[in-house]
N, C-alpha and C. Protein backbone atom coordinates (compact mmCIF):
# COMPACT_ATOMS: atom_id res chain seq x y z
N MET A 1 0.82 -1.17 0.00
CA MET A 1 0.00 0.00 0.00
C MET A 1 0.88 1.24 0.00
N THR A 2 0.52 2.17 -0.80
CA THR A 2 1.29 3.40 -0.81
C THR A 2 0.77 4.35 0.25
N ARG A 3 1.52 5.38 0.44
CA ARG A 3 1.16 6.34 1.47
C ARG A 3 -0.19 6.98 1.17
N GLY A 4 -1.10 6.95 2.13
CA GLY A 4 -2.38 7.62 1.96
C GLY A 4 -3.53 6.71 1.59
N GLN A 5 -3.25 5.53 1.03
CA GLN A 5 -4.36 4.68 0.63
C GLN A 5 -5.13 4.14 1.82
N SER A 6 -4.48 3.90 2.91
CA SER A 6 -5.16 3.36 4.07
C SER A 6 -5.95 4.44 4.81
N ARG A 7 -5.66 5.70 4.55
CA ARG A 7 -6.32 6.78 5.29
C ARG A 7 -7.49 7.38 4.53
N ASN A 8 -7.61 7.13 3.25
CA ASN A 8 -8.61 7.83 2.45
C ASN A 8 -10.04 7.41 2.77
N ASN A 9 -10.27 6.22 3.22
CA ASN A 9 -11.63 5.74 3.42
C ASN A 9 -12.08 5.77 4.88
N LYS A 10 -11.29 6.31 5.75
CA LYS A 10 -11.65 6.31 7.16
C LYS A 10 -12.80 7.26 7.47
N HIS A 11 -12.96 8.31 6.71
CA HIS A 11 -14.00 9.29 6.99
C HIS A 11 -15.34 8.93 6.36
N LYS A 12 -15.41 7.90 5.52
CA LYS A 12 -16.65 7.55 4.83
C LYS A 12 -17.55 6.73 5.75
N ASN A 13 -18.83 7.01 5.67
CA ASN A 13 -19.83 6.27 6.45
C ASN A 13 -20.15 4.99 5.70
N LYS A 14 -19.78 3.84 6.25
CA LYS A 14 -19.99 2.58 5.56
C LYS A 14 -21.43 2.08 5.69
N ALA A 15 -22.16 2.55 6.69
CA ALA A 15 -23.54 2.11 6.90
C ALA A 15 -24.49 3.23 6.48
N ASN A 16 -24.46 3.59 5.21
CA ASN A 16 -25.28 4.71 4.76
C ASN A 16 -26.67 4.27 4.27
N LEU A 17 -26.94 2.96 4.21
CA LEU A 17 -28.26 2.50 3.84
C LEU A 17 -29.11 2.35 5.09
N SER A 18 -30.33 2.86 5.03
CA SER A 18 -31.19 2.73 6.20
C SER A 18 -31.68 1.30 6.34
N GLN A 19 -31.88 0.88 7.56
CA GLN A 19 -32.33 -0.48 7.85
C GLN A 19 -33.77 -0.43 8.35
N THR A 20 -34.56 -1.40 7.93
CA THR A 20 -35.94 -1.49 8.37
C THR A 20 -35.98 -2.17 9.74
N PRO A 21 -36.60 -1.53 10.73
CA PRO A 21 -36.68 -2.17 12.04
C PRO A 21 -37.47 -3.47 11.97
N LYS A 22 -37.09 -4.45 12.78
CA LYS A 22 -37.74 -5.76 12.74
C LYS A 22 -39.21 -5.68 13.09
N ASN A 23 -39.63 -4.71 13.90
CA ASN A 23 -41.03 -4.63 14.26
C ASN A 23 -41.90 -4.09 13.13
N GLU A 24 -41.31 -3.53 12.09
CA GLU A 24 -42.08 -3.03 10.95
C GLU A 24 -42.16 -4.03 9.80
N ILE A 25 -41.41 -5.11 9.88
CA ILE A 25 -41.44 -6.12 8.82
C ILE A 25 -42.61 -7.05 9.08
N GLU A 26 -43.51 -7.15 8.10
CA GLU A 26 -44.67 -8.02 8.23
C GLU A 26 -44.44 -9.26 7.38
N SER A 27 -44.48 -10.41 8.01
CA SER A 27 -44.28 -11.65 7.30
C SER A 27 -45.12 -12.73 7.95
N ASP A 28 -45.68 -13.60 7.13
CA ASP A 28 -46.44 -14.72 7.68
C ASP A 28 -45.55 -15.95 7.83
N GLY A 29 -44.29 -15.85 7.46
CA GLY A 29 -43.36 -16.95 7.60
C GLY A 29 -43.45 -17.96 6.47
N LEU A 30 -44.27 -17.71 5.48
CA LEU A 30 -44.41 -18.64 4.38
C LEU A 30 -43.64 -18.13 3.17
N ASP A 31 -42.77 -18.96 2.67
CA ASP A 31 -42.01 -18.62 1.47
C ASP A 31 -41.97 -19.86 0.60
N ILE A 32 -43.14 -20.27 0.11
CA ILE A 32 -43.23 -21.51 -0.64
C ILE A 32 -44.05 -21.30 -1.90
N GLU A 33 -43.82 -22.16 -2.86
CA GLU A 33 -44.65 -22.24 -4.05
C GLU A 33 -45.28 -23.61 -4.05
N PHE A 34 -46.59 -23.67 -4.26
CA PHE A 34 -47.28 -24.94 -4.24
C PHE A 34 -48.25 -24.96 -5.41
N SER A 35 -48.16 -25.98 -6.21
CA SER A 35 -49.03 -26.12 -7.37
C SER A 35 -49.86 -27.39 -7.21
N GLU A 36 -51.16 -27.24 -7.16
CA GLU A 36 -52.04 -28.40 -7.04
C GLU A 36 -51.89 -29.34 -8.25
N GLU A 37 -51.65 -28.77 -9.43
CA GLU A 37 -51.56 -29.58 -10.65
C GLU A 37 -50.32 -30.47 -10.64
N LEU A 38 -49.23 -29.99 -10.07
CA LEU A 38 -47.98 -30.73 -10.10
C LEU A 38 -47.72 -31.52 -8.82
N ALA A 39 -48.63 -31.47 -7.87
CA ALA A 39 -48.41 -32.12 -6.58
C ALA A 39 -48.65 -33.63 -6.68
N ASP A 40 -47.78 -34.39 -6.02
CA ASP A 40 -48.01 -35.82 -5.91
C ASP A 40 -48.50 -36.12 -4.49
N ALA A 41 -48.65 -37.37 -4.14
CA ALA A 41 -49.22 -37.75 -2.85
C ALA A 41 -48.35 -37.25 -1.70
N ASP A 42 -47.03 -37.30 -1.86
CA ASP A 42 -46.14 -36.83 -0.80
C ASP A 42 -46.28 -35.32 -0.59
N ASP A 43 -46.45 -34.57 -1.67
CA ASP A 43 -46.61 -33.13 -1.56
C ASP A 43 -47.92 -32.78 -0.84
N ILE A 44 -48.97 -33.50 -1.15
CA ILE A 44 -50.27 -33.25 -0.53
C ILE A 44 -50.20 -33.58 0.96
N GLU A 45 -49.54 -34.69 1.30
CA GLU A 45 -49.40 -35.06 2.71
C GLU A 45 -48.56 -34.01 3.45
N ALA A 46 -47.50 -33.54 2.82
CA ALA A 46 -46.66 -32.53 3.45
C ALA A 46 -47.42 -31.22 3.66
N GLU A 47 -48.25 -30.85 2.71
CA GLU A 47 -49.06 -29.64 2.84
C GLU A 47 -50.06 -29.78 4.00
N GLN A 48 -50.68 -30.95 4.13
CA GLN A 48 -51.62 -31.18 5.23
C GLN A 48 -50.89 -31.14 6.58
N ARG A 49 -49.71 -31.75 6.64
CA ARG A 49 -48.94 -31.74 7.88
C ARG A 49 -48.51 -30.32 8.24
N SER A 50 -48.16 -29.53 7.23
CA SER A 50 -47.77 -28.15 7.45
C SER A 50 -48.93 -27.34 7.99
N GLN A 51 -50.11 -27.52 7.43
CA GLN A 51 -51.28 -26.80 7.90
C GLN A 51 -51.65 -27.21 9.32
N ALA A 52 -51.51 -28.49 9.65
CA ALA A 52 -51.79 -28.95 11.00
C ALA A 52 -50.78 -28.35 11.99
N ALA A 53 -49.53 -28.29 11.60
CA ALA A 53 -48.51 -27.70 12.47
C ALA A 53 -48.76 -26.21 12.67
N ASP A 54 -49.17 -25.51 11.62
CA ASP A 54 -49.50 -24.10 11.75
C ASP A 54 -50.66 -23.90 12.70
N ALA A 55 -51.68 -24.76 12.61
CA ALA A 55 -52.83 -24.65 13.49
C ALA A 55 -52.41 -24.87 14.95
N ARG A 56 -51.54 -25.86 15.19
CA ARG A 56 -51.06 -26.11 16.55
C ARG A 56 -50.28 -24.91 17.08
N ALA A 57 -49.46 -24.33 16.23
CA ALA A 57 -48.66 -23.18 16.65
C ALA A 57 -49.55 -21.98 16.96
N HIS A 58 -50.57 -21.75 16.15
CA HIS A 58 -51.47 -20.63 16.40
C HIS A 58 -52.28 -20.86 17.67
N ASN A 59 -52.68 -22.10 17.93
CA ASN A 59 -53.40 -22.41 19.15
C ASN A 59 -52.52 -22.18 20.37
N ARG A 60 -51.25 -22.51 20.25
CA ARG A 60 -50.32 -22.33 21.37
C ARG A 60 -50.14 -20.86 21.68
N THR A 61 -50.01 -20.03 20.65
CA THR A 61 -49.80 -18.60 20.88
C THR A 61 -51.07 -17.93 21.39
N ASN A 62 -52.23 -18.42 21.00
CA ASN A 62 -53.48 -17.83 21.46
C ASN A 62 -53.78 -18.16 22.91
N LYS A 63 -53.29 -19.29 23.40
CA LYS A 63 -53.53 -19.69 24.79
C LYS A 63 -52.71 -18.86 25.76
N ASN A 64 -51.53 -18.42 25.35
CA ASN A 64 -50.64 -17.69 26.27
C ASN A 64 -50.99 -16.25 26.33
């Protein structure tokens, strides 16, 4: 490194992009693609199990 290269970037703000607070992010936690036409028996069973697990989780949070 030549003289001055290590000092030139010290004054720059590296975090200049604003961040969204976690309490403002709305998400249902689902990030899936599901196609009824392309689903086989295992996919349908997995979807039913997922819905049952979601129902149990929602019941747990509503009780507390």
